[in-house]
Amino acid sequence: RLELIDRTGRPIALHWERLEHAGDALLLHLRGTAPAG
């Protein structure tokens, strides 16, 4: 459901980090590398 493709058409891998509880919300943390911006 959360997909990021760089301007050359290559997928930017989003790696799971953690889930954090914040009151009535959840914060879903991911990380990746985007060499081309």
Full PDB file with SEQRES, HELIX, SHEET, SSBOND, CRYST1, ORIGX, SCALE, CONECT and MASTER records, all heavy atoms in Angstrom:
SEQRES   1 A   37  ARG LEU GLU LEU ILE ASP ARG THR GLY ARG PRO ILE ALA          
SEQRES   2 A   37  LEU HIS TRP GLU ARG LEU GLU HIS ALA GLY ASP ALA LEU          
SEQRES   3 A   37  LEU LEU HIS LEU ARG GLY THR ALA PRO ALA GLY                  
SHEET    1 AA1 2 HIS A  15  ALA A  22  0                                        
SHEET    2 AA1 2 ALA A  25  ARG A  31 -1                                        
CRYST1    1.000    1.000    1.000  90.00  90.00  90.00 P 1           1          
ORIGX1      1.000000  0.000000  0.000000        0.00000                         
ORIGX2      0.000000  1.000000  0.000000        0.00000                         
ORIGX3      0.000000  0.000000  1.000000        0.00000                         
SCALE1      1.000000  0.000000  0.000000        0.00000                         
SCALE2      0.000000  1.000000  0.000000        0.00000                         
SCALE3      0.000000  0.000000  1.000000        0.00000                         
ATOM      1  N   ARG A   1       0.793  -1.230   0.000  1.00  0.00           N  
ATOM      2  CA  ARG A   1       0.000   0.000   0.000  1.00  0.00           C  
ATOM      3  C   ARG A   1       0.825   1.279   0.000  1.00  0.00           C  
ATOM      4  O   ARG A   1       0.292   2.365  -0.219  1.00  0.00           O  
ATOM      5  CB  ARG A   1      -0.933  -0.010   1.207  1.00  0.00           C  
ATOM      6  CG  ARG A   1      -2.007  -1.071   1.072  1.00  0.00           C  
ATOM      7  CD  ARG A   1      -2.792  -1.251   2.347  1.00  0.00           C  
ATOM      8  NE  ARG A   1      -3.802  -2.279   2.192  1.00  0.00           N  
ATOM      9  CZ  ARG A   1      -3.566  -3.583   2.321  1.00  0.00           C  
ATOM     10  NH1 ARG A   1      -2.354  -4.021   2.635  1.00  0.00           N  
ATOM     11  NH2 ARG A   1      -4.541  -4.457   2.144  1.00  0.00           N  
ATOM     12  N   LEU A   2       2.094   1.160   0.301  1.00  0.00           N  
ATOM     13  CA  LEU A   2       2.993   2.317   0.319  1.00  0.00           C  
ATOM     14  C   LEU A   2       4.172   1.980  -0.583  1.00  0.00           C  
ATOM     15  O   LEU A   2       5.067   1.227  -0.191  1.00  0.00           O  
ATOM     16  CB  LEU A   2       3.459   2.608   1.750  1.00  0.00           C  
ATOM     17  CG  LEU A   2       4.330   3.847   1.938  1.00  0.00           C  
ATOM     18  CD1 LEU A   2       3.553   5.110   1.576  1.00  0.00           C  
ATOM     19  CD2 LEU A   2       4.828   3.941   3.365  1.00  0.00           C  
ATOM     20  N   GLU A   3       4.118   2.510  -1.792  1.00  0.00           N  
ATOM     21  CA  GLU A   3       5.124   2.163  -2.797  1.00  0.00           C  
ATOM     22  C   GLU A   3       5.771   3.428  -3.338  1.00  0.00           C  
ATOM     23  O   GLU A   3       5.088   4.405  -3.640  1.00  0.00           O  
ATOM     24  CB  GLU A   3       4.478   1.390  -3.946  1.00  0.00           C  
ATOM     25  CG  GLU A   3       3.807   0.114  -3.482  1.00  0.00           C  
ATOM     26  CD  GLU A   3       3.006  -0.567  -4.567  1.00  0.00           C  
ATOM     27  OE1 GLU A   3       2.291   0.141  -5.317  1.00  0.00           O  
ATOM     28  OE2 GLU A   3       3.105  -1.796  -4.659  1.00  0.00           O  
ATOM     29  N   LEU A   4       7.080   3.374  -3.478  1.00  0.00           N  
ATOM     30  CA  LEU A   4       7.862   4.501  -3.968  1.00  0.00           C  
ATOM     31  C   LEU A   4       8.764   4.014  -5.090  1.00  0.00           C  
ATOM     32  O   LEU A   4       9.508   3.044  -4.913  1.00  0.00           O  
ATOM     33  CB  LEU A   4       8.678   5.090  -2.807  1.00  0.00           C  
ATOM     34  CG  LEU A   4       9.406   6.399  -3.023  1.00  0.00           C  
ATOM     35  CD1 LEU A   4       8.459   7.518  -3.473  1.00  0.00           C  
ATOM     36  CD2 LEU A   4      10.115   6.814  -1.738  1.00  0.00           C  
ATOM     37  N   ILE A   5       8.667   4.661  -6.245  1.00  0.00           N  
ATOM     38  CA  ILE A   5       9.447   4.302  -7.433  1.00  0.00           C  
ATOM     39  C   ILE A   5      10.286   5.522  -7.815  1.00  0.00           C  
ATOM     40  O   ILE A   5       9.743   6.627  -7.949  1.00  0.00           O  
ATOM     41  CB  ILE A   5       8.514   3.940  -8.616  1.00  0.00           C  
ATOM     42  CG1 ILE A   5       7.489   2.892  -8.223  1.00  0.00           C  
ATOM     43  CG2 ILE A   5       9.308   3.527  -9.844  1.00  0.00           C  
ATOM     44  CD1 ILE A   5       8.038   1.545  -7.900  1.00  0.00           C  
ATOM     45  N   ASP A   6      11.593   5.344  -8.011  1.00  0.00           N  
ATOM     46  CA  ASP A   6      12.423   6.509  -8.359  1.00  0.00           C  
ATOM     47  C   ASP A   6      12.135   6.953  -9.800  1.00  0.00           C  
ATOM     48  O   ASP A   6      11.414   6.291 -10.545  1.00  0.00           O  
ATOM     49  CB  ASP A   6      13.907   6.250  -8.084  1.00  0.00           C  
ATOM     50  CG  ASP A   6      14.583   5.325  -9.079  1.00  0.00           C  
ATOM     51  OD1 ASP A   6      14.025   5.033 -10.148  1.00  0.00           O  
ATOM     52  OD2 ASP A   6      15.706   4.872  -8.772  1.00  0.00           O  
ATOM     53  N   ARG A   7      12.713   8.077 -10.187  1.00  0.00           N  
ATOM     54  CA  ARG A   7      12.397   8.649 -11.506  1.00  0.00           C  
ATOM     55  C   ARG A   7      12.874   7.788 -12.665  1.00  0.00           C  
ATOM     56  O   ARG A   7      12.443   7.986 -13.789  1.00  0.00           O  
ATOM     57  CB  ARG A   7      12.916  10.077 -11.608  1.00  0.00           C  
ATOM     58  CG  ARG A   7      14.410  10.215 -11.559  1.00  0.00           C  
ATOM     59  CD  ARG A   7      14.811  11.688 -11.757  1.00  0.00           C  
ATOM     60  NE  ARG A   7      16.112  11.931 -11.218  1.00  0.00           N  
ATOM     61  CZ  ARG A   7      16.357  12.633 -10.130  1.00  0.00           C  
ATOM     62  NH1 ARG A   7      15.366  13.189  -9.477  1.00  0.00           N  
ATOM     63  NH2 ARG A   7      17.573  12.800  -9.699  1.00  0.00           N  
ATOM     64  N   THR A   8      13.729   6.799 -12.406  1.00  0.00           N  
ATOM     65  CA  THR A   8      14.174   5.888 -13.477  1.00  0.00           C  
ATOM     66  C   THR A   8      13.296   4.637 -13.547  1.00  0.00           C  
ATOM     67  O   THR A   8      13.528   3.771 -14.381  1.00  0.00           O  
ATOM     68  CB  THR A   8      15.643   5.460 -13.278  1.00  0.00           C  
ATOM     69  OG1 THR A   8      15.737   4.630 -12.116  1.00  0.00           O  
ATOM     70  CG2 THR A   8      16.566   6.664 -13.135  1.00  0.00           C  
ATOM     71  N   GLY A   9      12.314   4.525 -12.649  1.00  0.00           N  
ATOM     72  CA  GLY A   9      11.412   3.389 -12.661  1.00  0.00           C  
ATOM     73  C   GLY A   9      11.797   2.260 -11.719  1.00  0.00           C  
ATOM     74  O   GLY A   9      11.145   1.223 -11.687  1.00  0.00           O  
ATOM     75  N   ARG A  10      12.831   2.459 -10.921  1.00  0.00           N  
ATOM     76  CA  ARG A  10      13.255   1.431  -9.966  1.00  0.00           C  
ATOM     77  C   ARG A  10      12.561   1.629  -8.620  1.00  0.00           C  
ATOM     78  O   ARG A  10      12.504   2.748  -8.111  1.00  0.00           O  
ATOM     79  CB  ARG A  10      14.769   1.501  -9.749  1.00  0.00           C  
ATOM     80  CG  ARG A  10      15.564   1.112 -10.956  1.00  0.00           C  
ATOM     81  CD  ARG A  10      17.065   1.068 -10.615  1.00  0.00           C  
ATOM     82  NE  ARG A  10      17.824   1.033 -11.826  1.00  0.00           N  
ATOM     83  CZ  ARG A  10      18.684   1.969 -12.215  1.00  0.00           C  
ATOM     84  NH1 ARG A  10      18.925   3.002 -11.443  1.00  0.00           N  
ATOM     85  NH2 ARG A  10      19.319   1.861 -13.356  1.00  0.00           N  
ATOM     86  N   PRO A  11      12.088   0.537  -8.032  1.00  0.00           N  
ATOM     87  CA  PRO A  11      11.479   0.652  -6.704  1.00  0.00           C  
ATOM     88  C   PRO A  11      12.505   1.105  -5.666  1.00  0.00           C  
ATOM     89  O   PRO A  11      13.658   0.684  -5.703  1.00  0.00           O  
ATOM     90  CB  PRO A  11      11.015  -0.770  -6.384  1.00  0.00           C  
ATOM     91  CG  PRO A  11      10.996  -1.490  -7.687  1.00  0.00           C  
ATOM     92  CD  PRO A  11      12.022  -0.825  -8.555  1.00  0.00           C  
ATOM     93  N   ILE A  12      12.080   1.970  -4.771  1.00  0.00           N  
ATOM     94  CA  ILE A  12      12.892   2.355  -3.625  1.00  0.00           C  
ATOM     95  C   ILE A  12      12.437   1.477  -2.466  1.00  0.00           C  
ATOM     96  O   ILE A  12      11.278   1.558  -2.047  1.00  0.00           O  
ATOM     97  CB  ILE A  12      12.729   3.846  -3.282  1.00  0.00           C  
ATOM     98  CG1 ILE A  12      13.244   4.710  -4.437  1.00  0.00           C  
ATOM     99  CG2 ILE A  12      13.445   4.183  -1.970  1.00  0.00           C  
ATOM    100  CD1 ILE A  12      12.993   6.203  -4.263  1.00  0.00           C  
ATOM    101  N   ALA A  13      13.317   0.612  -2.011  1.00  0.00           N  
ATOM    102  CA  ALA A  13      12.974  -0.312  -0.928  1.00  0.00           C  
ATOM    103  C   ALA A  13      12.770   0.469   0.368  1.00  0.00           C  
ATOM    104  O   ALA A  13      13.614   1.268   0.765  1.00  0.00           O  
ATOM    105  CB  ALA A  13      14.076  -1.350  -0.754  1.00  0.00           C  
ATOM    106  N   LEU A  14      11.633   0.221   0.993  1.00  0.00           N  
ATOM    107  CA  LEU A  14      11.333   0.812   2.297  1.00  0.00           C  
ATOM    108  C   LEU A  14      11.411  -0.303   3.321  1.00  0.00           C  
ATOM    109  O   LEU A  14      10.626  -1.249   3.281  1.00  0.00           O  
ATOM    110  CB  LEU A  14       9.951   1.467   2.280  1.00  0.00           C  
ATOM    111  CG  LEU A  14       9.779   2.618   1.298  1.00  0.00           C  
ATOM    112  CD1 LEU A  14       8.341   3.120   1.293  1.00  0.00           C  
ATOM    113  CD2 LEU A  14      10.750   3.749   1.606  1.00  0.00           C  
ATOM    114  N   HIS A  15      12.358  -0.194   4.220  1.00  0.00           N  
ATOM    115  CA  HIS A  15      12.618  -1.230   5.218  1.00  0.00           C  
ATOM    116  C   HIS A  15      11.919  -0.884   6.531  1.00  0.00           C  
ATOM    117  O   HIS A  15      12.009   0.241   7.017  1.00  0.00           O  
ATOM    118  CB  HIS A  15      14.123  -1.389   5.455  1.00  0.00           C  
ATOM    119  CG  HIS A  15      14.866  -1.676   4.190  1.00  0.00           C  
ATOM    120  ND1 HIS A  15      14.883  -2.916   3.610  1.00  0.00           N  
ATOM    121  CD2 HIS A  15      15.583  -0.864   3.388  1.00  0.00           C  
ATOM    122  CE1 HIS A  15      15.604  -2.877   2.512  1.00  0.00           C  
ATOM    123  NE2 HIS A  15      16.029  -1.639   2.344  1.00  0.00           N  
ATOM    124  N   TRP A  16      11.242  -1.864   7.068  1.00  0.00           N  
ATOM    125  CA  TRP A  16      10.523  -1.693   8.319  1.00  0.00           C  
ATOM    126  C   TRP A  16      11.493  -1.417   9.454  1.00  0.00           C  
ATOM    127  O   TRP A  16      12.520  -2.069   9.577  1.00  0.00           O  
ATOM    128  CB  TRP A  16       9.709  -2.954   8.635  1.00  0.00           C  
ATOM    129  CG  TRP A  16       8.960  -2.826   9.903  1.00  0.00           C  
ATOM    130  CD1 TRP A  16       9.259  -3.389  11.105  1.00  0.00           C  
ATOM    131  CD2 TRP A  16       7.785  -2.059  10.120  1.00  0.00           C  
ATOM    132  NE1 TRP A  16       8.340  -3.025  12.049  1.00  0.00           N  
ATOM    133  CE2 TRP A  16       7.414  -2.192  11.468  1.00  0.00           C  
ATOM    134  CE3 TRP A  16       6.999  -1.239   9.296  1.00  0.00           C  
ATOM    135  CZ2 TRP A  16       6.304  -1.562  12.013  1.00  0.00           C  
ATOM    136  CZ3 TRP A  16       5.891  -0.613   9.847  1.00  0.00           C  
ATOM    137  CH2 TRP A  16       5.562  -0.780  11.188  1.00  0.00           C  
ATOM    138  N   GLU A  17      11.161  -0.434  10.302  1.00  0.00           N  
ATOM    139  CA  GLU A  17      11.953  -0.165  11.500  1.00  0.00           C  
ATOM    140  C   GLU A  17      11.181  -0.524  12.763  1.00  0.00           C  
ATOM    141  O   GLU A  17      11.619  -1.345  13.536  1.00  0.00           O  
ATOM    142  CB  GLU A  17      12.399   1.300  11.548  1.00  0.00           C  
ATOM    143  CG  GLU A  17      13.546   1.574  10.615  1.00  0.00           C  
ATOM    144  CD  GLU A  17      14.240   2.881  10.935  1.00  0.00           C  
ATOM    145  OE1 GLU A  17      13.595   3.826  11.433  1.00  0.00           O  
ATOM    146  OE2 GLU A  17      15.451   2.942  10.689  1.00  0.00           O  
ATOM    147  N   ARG A  18      10.012   0.124  12.960  1.00  0.00           N  
ATOM    148  CA  ARG A  18       9.280  -0.158  14.193  1.00  0.00           C  
ATOM    149  C   ARG A  18       7.893   0.470  14.152  1.00  0.00           C  
ATOM    150  O   ARG A  18       7.615   1.359  13.358  1.00  0.00           O  
ATOM    151  CB  ARG A  18      10.034   0.365  15.399  1.00  0.00           C  
ATOM    152  CG  ARG A  18      10.046   1.874  15.534  1.00  0.00           C  
ATOM    153  CD  ARG A  18      10.904   2.352  16.693  1.00  0.00           C  
ATOM    154  NE  ARG A  18      10.851   3.779  16.850  1.00  0.00           N  
ATOM    155  CZ  ARG A  18      11.477   4.670  16.111  1.00  0.00           C  
ATOM    156  NH1 ARG A  18      12.227   4.266  15.105  1.00  0.00           N  
ATOM    157  NH2 ARG A  18      11.373   5.960  16.353  1.00  0.00           N  
ATOM    158  N   LEU A  19       7.077  -0.004  15.062  1.00  0.00           N  
ATOM    159  CA  LEU A  19       5.743   0.535  15.308  1.00  0.00           C  
ATOM    160  C   LEU A  19       5.794   1.215  16.675  1.00  0.00           C  
ATOM    161  O   LEU A  19       6.353   0.667  17.615  1.00  0.00           O  
ATOM    162  CB  LEU A  19       4.741  -0.620  15.312  1.00  0.00           C  
ATOM    163  CG  LEU A  19       3.292  -0.268  15.618  1.00  0.00           C  
ATOM    164  CD1 LEU A  19       2.383  -1.103  14.732  1.00  0.00           C  
ATOM    165  CD2 LEU A  19       2.988  -0.527  17.072  1.00  0.00           C  
ATOM    166  N   GLU A  20       5.224   2.387  16.761  1.00  0.00           N  
ATOM    167  CA  GLU A  20       5.244   3.143  18.016  1.00  0.00           C  
ATOM    168  C   GLU A  20       3.821   3.585  18.353  1.00  0.00           C  
ATOM    169  O   GLU A  20       3.100   4.077  17.481  1.00  0.00           O  
ATOM    170  CB  GLU A  20       6.156   4.357  17.818  1.00  0.00           C  
ATOM    171  CG  GLU A  20       6.257   5.297  18.961  1.00  0.00           C  
ATOM    172  CD  GLU A  20       7.135   6.504  18.617  1.00  0.00           C  
ATOM    173  OE1 GLU A  20       7.824   6.523  17.588  1.00  0.00           O  
ATOM    174  OE2 GLU A  20       7.092   7.451  19.422  1.00  0.00           O  
ATOM    175  N   HIS A  21       3.424   3.400  19.586  1.00  0.00           N  
ATOM    176  CA  HIS A  21       2.114   3.863  20.048  1.00  0.00           C  
ATOM    177  C   HIS A  21       2.245   5.321  20.491  1.00  0.00           C  
ATOM    178  O   HIS A  21       3.180   5.680  21.203  1.00  0.00           O  
ATOM    179  CB  HIS A  21       1.622   3.008  21.217  1.00  0.00           C  
ATOM    180  CG  HIS A  21       1.332   1.600  20.809  1.00  0.00           C  
ATOM    181  ND1 HIS A  21       0.084   1.189  20.414  1.00  0.00           N  
ATOM    182  CD2 HIS A  21       2.136   0.520  20.701  1.00  0.00           C  
ATOM    183  CE1 HIS A  21       0.130  -0.089  20.097  1.00  0.00           C  
ATOM    184  NE2 HIS A  21       1.362  -0.521  20.261  1.00  0.00           N  
ATOM    185  N   ALA A  22       1.283   6.159  20.063  1.00  0.00           N  
ATOM    186  CA  ALA A  22       1.284   7.575  20.421  1.00  0.00           C  
ATOM    187  C   ALA A  22      -0.159   7.991  20.699  1.00  0.00           C  
ATOM    188  O   ALA A  22      -0.863   8.468  19.814  1.00  0.00           O  
ATOM    189  CB  ALA A  22       1.887   8.410  19.300  1.00  0.00           C  
ATOM    190  N   GLY A  23      -0.614   7.743  21.906  1.00  0.00           N  
ATOM    191  CA  GLY A  23      -2.000   8.051  22.253  1.00  0.00           C  
ATOM    192  C   GLY A  23      -2.946   7.170  21.463  1.00  0.00           C  
ATOM    193  O   GLY A  23      -2.816   5.952  21.464  1.00  0.00           O  
ATOM    194  N   ASP A  24      -3.880   7.797  20.740  1.00  0.00           N  
ATOM    195  CA  ASP A  24      -4.833   7.028  19.934  1.00  0.00           C  
ATOM    196  C   ASP A  24      -4.318   6.756  18.524  1.00  0.00           C  
ATOM    197  O   ASP A  24      -5.062   6.286  17.669  1.00  0.00           O  
ATOM    198  CB  ASP A  24      -6.183   7.736  19.874  1.00  0.00           C  
ATOM    199  CG  ASP A  24      -6.123   9.089  19.190  1.00  0.00           C  
ATOM    200  OD1 ASP A  24      -5.014   9.573  18.890  1.00  0.00           O  
ATOM    201  OD2 ASP A  24      -7.190   9.675  18.940  1.00  0.00           O  
ATOM    202  N   ALA A  25      -3.042   7.024  18.308  1.00  0.00           N  
ATOM    203  CA  ALA A  25      -2.440   6.828  16.988  1.00  0.00           C  
ATOM    204  C   ALA A  25      -1.300   5.814  17.050  1.00  0.00           C  
ATOM    205  O   ALA A  25      -0.787   5.495  18.123  1.00  0.00           O  
ATOM    206  CB  ALA A  25      -1.914   8.152  16.449  1.00  0.00           C  
ATOM    207  N   LEU A  26      -0.938   5.332  15.875  1.00  0.00           N  
ATOM    208  CA  LEU A  26       0.253   4.502  15.712  1.00  0.00           C  
ATOM    209  C   LEU A  26       1.184   5.225  14.758  1.00  0.00           C  
ATOM    210  O   LEU A  26       0.735   5.829  13.777  1.00  0.00           O  
ATOM    211  CB  LEU A  26      -0.106   3.138  15.111  1.00  0.00           C  
ATOM    212  CG  LEU A  26      -1.011   2.242  15.937  1.00  0.00           C  
ATOM    213  CD1 LEU A  26      -1.379   1.003  15.132  1.00  0.00           C  
ATOM    214  CD2 LEU A  26      -0.336   1.848  17.241  1.00  0.00           C  
ATOM    215  N   LEU A  27       2.463   5.178  15.052  1.00  0.00           N  
ATOM    216  CA  LEU A  27       3.480   5.715  14.154  1.00  0.00           C  
ATOM    217  C   LEU A  27       4.232   4.527  13.573  1.00  0.00           C  
ATOM    218  O   LEU A  27       4.810   3.729  14.309  1.00  0.00           O  
ATOM    219  CB  LEU A  27       4.441   6.637  14.903  1.00  0.00           C  
ATOM    220  CG  LEU A  27       3.804   7.813  15.632  1.00  0.00           C  
ATOM    221  CD1 LEU A  27       4.856   8.613  16.379  1.00  0.00           C  
ATOM    222  CD2 LEU A  27       3.032   8.697  14.679  1.00  0.00           C  
ATOM    223  N   LEU A  28       4.199   4.420  12.260  1.00  0.00           N  
ATOM    224  CA  LEU A  28       4.835   3.319  11.557  1.00  0.00           C  
ATOM    225  C   LEU A  28       6.108   3.860  10.909  1.00  0.00           C  
ATOM    226  O   LEU A  28       6.035   4.718  10.028  1.00  0.00           O  
ATOM    227  CB  LEU A  28       3.876   2.755  10.507  1.00  0.00           C  
ATOM    228  CG  LEU A  28       2.434   2.529  10.995  1.00  0.00           C  
ATOM    229  CD1 LEU A  28       1.527   2.160   9.843  1.00  0.00           C  
ATOM    230  CD2 LEU A  28       2.397   1.489  12.091  1.00  0.00           C  
ATOM    231  N   HIS A  29       7.260   3.391  11.361  1.00  0.00           N  
ATOM    232  CA  HIS A  29       8.550   3.925  10.931  1.00  0.00           C  
ATOM    233  C   HIS A  29       9.205   3.008   9.895  1.00  0.00           C  
ATOM    234  O   HIS A  29       9.316   1.799  10.122  1.00  0.00           O  
ATOM    235  CB  HIS A  29       9.500   4.056  12.129  1.00  0.00           C  
ATOM    236  CG  HIS A  29       9.044   5.035  13.164  1.00  0.00           C  
ATOM    237  ND1 HIS A  29       9.496   6.333  13.202  1.00  0.00           N  
ATOM    238  CD2 HIS A  29       8.167   4.914  14.198  1.00  0.00           C  
ATOM    239  CE1 HIS A  29       8.928   6.963  14.218  1.00  0.00           C  
ATOM    240  NE2 HIS A  29       8.124   6.119  14.834  1.00  0.00           N  
ATOM    241  N   LEU A  30       9.653   3.624   8.791  1.00  0.00           N  
ATOM    242  CA  LEU A  30      10.381   2.904   7.750  1.00  0.00           C  
ATOM    243  C   LEU A  30      11.599   3.726   7.359  1.00  0.00           C  
ATOM    244  O   LEU A  30      11.688   4.918   7.673  1.00  0.00           O  
ATOM    245  CB  LEU A  30       9.488   2.693   6.520  1.00  0.00           C  
ATOM    246  CG  LEU A  30       8.191   1.948   6.775  1.00  0.00           C  
ATOM    247  CD1 LEU A  30       7.028   2.915   6.744  1.00  0.00           C  
ATOM    248  CD2 LEU A  30       7.993   0.868   5.754  1.00  0.00           C  
ATOM    249  N   ARG A  31      12.505   3.095   6.644  1.00  0.00           N  
ATOM    250  CA  ARG A  31      13.691   3.806   6.158  1.00  0.00           C  
ATOM    251  C   ARG A  31      14.066   3.257   4.793  1.00  0.00           C  
ATOM    252  O   ARG A  31      13.643   2.177   4.396  1.00  0.00           O  
ATOM    253  CB  ARG A  31      14.851   3.647   7.122  1.00  0.00           C  
ATOM    254  CG  ARG A  31      15.311   2.215   7.248  1.00  0.00           C  
ATOM    255  CD  ARG A  31      16.521   2.028   8.146  1.00  0.00           C  
ATOM    256  NE  ARG A  31      16.658   0.631   8.498  1.00  0.00           N  
ATOM    257  CZ  ARG A  31      17.039  -0.332   7.664  1.00  0.00           C  
ATOM    258  NH1 ARG A  31      17.335  -0.045   6.426  1.00  0.00           N  
ATOM    259  NH2 ARG A  31      17.119  -1.584   8.066  1.00  0.00           N  
ATOM    260  N   GLY A  32      14.840   4.034   4.087  1.00  0.00           N  
ATOM    261  CA  GLY A  32      15.312   3.612   2.773  1.00  0.00           C  
ATOM    262  C   GLY A  32      16.449   4.500   2.320  1.00  0.00           C  
ATOM    263  O   GLY A  32      16.926   5.356   3.066  1.00  0.00           O  
ATOM    264  N   THR A  33      16.849   4.282   1.083  1.00  0.00           N  
ATOM    265  CA  THR A  33      17.891   5.094   0.467  1.00  0.00           C  
ATOM    266  C   THR A  33      17.371   5.545  -0.892  1.00  0.00           C  
ATOM    267  O   THR A  33      16.857   4.725  -1.660  1.00  0.00           O  
ATOM    268  CB  THR A  33      19.191   4.281   0.281  1.00  0.00           C  
ATOM    269  OG1 THR A  33      19.580   3.777   1.564  1.00  0.00           O  
ATOM    270  CG2 THR A  33      20.305   5.137  -0.263  1.00  0.00           C  
ATOM    271  N   ALA A  34      17.516   6.823  -1.168  1.00  0.00           N  
ATOM    272  CA  ALA A  34      17.070   7.379  -2.443  1.00  0.00           C  
ATOM    273  C   ALA A  34      18.231   8.133  -3.081  1.00  0.00           C  
ATOM    274  O   ALA A  34      18.326   9.354  -2.977  1.00  0.00           O  
ATOM    275  CB  ALA A  34      15.871   8.284  -2.229  1.00  0.00           C  
ATOM    276  N   PRO A  35      19.149   7.397  -3.740  1.00  0.00           N  
ATOM    277  CA  PRO A  35      20.342   8.034  -4.311  1.00  0.00           C  
ATOM    278  C   PRO A  35      20.032   9.133  -5.322  1.00  0.00           C  
ATOM    279  O   PRO A  35      20.749  10.125  -5.397  1.00  0.00           O  
ATOM    280  CB  PRO A  35      21.078   6.875  -4.990  1.00  0.00           C  
ATOM    281  CG  PRO A  35      20.546   5.649  -4.351  1.00  0.00           C  
ATOM    282  CD  PRO A  35      19.141   5.965  -3.936  1.00  0.00           C  
ATOM    283  N   ALA A  36      18.950   8.981  -6.098  1.00  0.00           N  
ATOM    284  CA  ALA A  36      18.602   9.976  -7.114  1.00  0.00           C  
ATOM    285  C   ALA A  36      17.691  11.063  -6.572  1.00  0.00           C  
ATOM    286  O   ALA A  36      17.239  11.928  -7.316  1.00  0.00           O  
ATOM    287  CB  ALA A  36      17.936   9.283  -8.305  1.00  0.00           C  
ATOM    288  N   GLY A  37      17.406  11.031  -5.279  1.00  0.00           N  
ATOM    289  CA  GLY A  37      16.510  12.018  -4.695  1.00  0.00           C  
ATOM    290  C   GLY A  37      15.056  11.657  -4.937  1.00  0.00           C  
ATOM    291  O   GLY A  37      14.748  10.596  -5.484  1.00  0.00           O  
TER     292      GLY A  37                                                      
MASTER        0    0    0    0    2    0    0    6  291    1    0    3          
END                                                                             
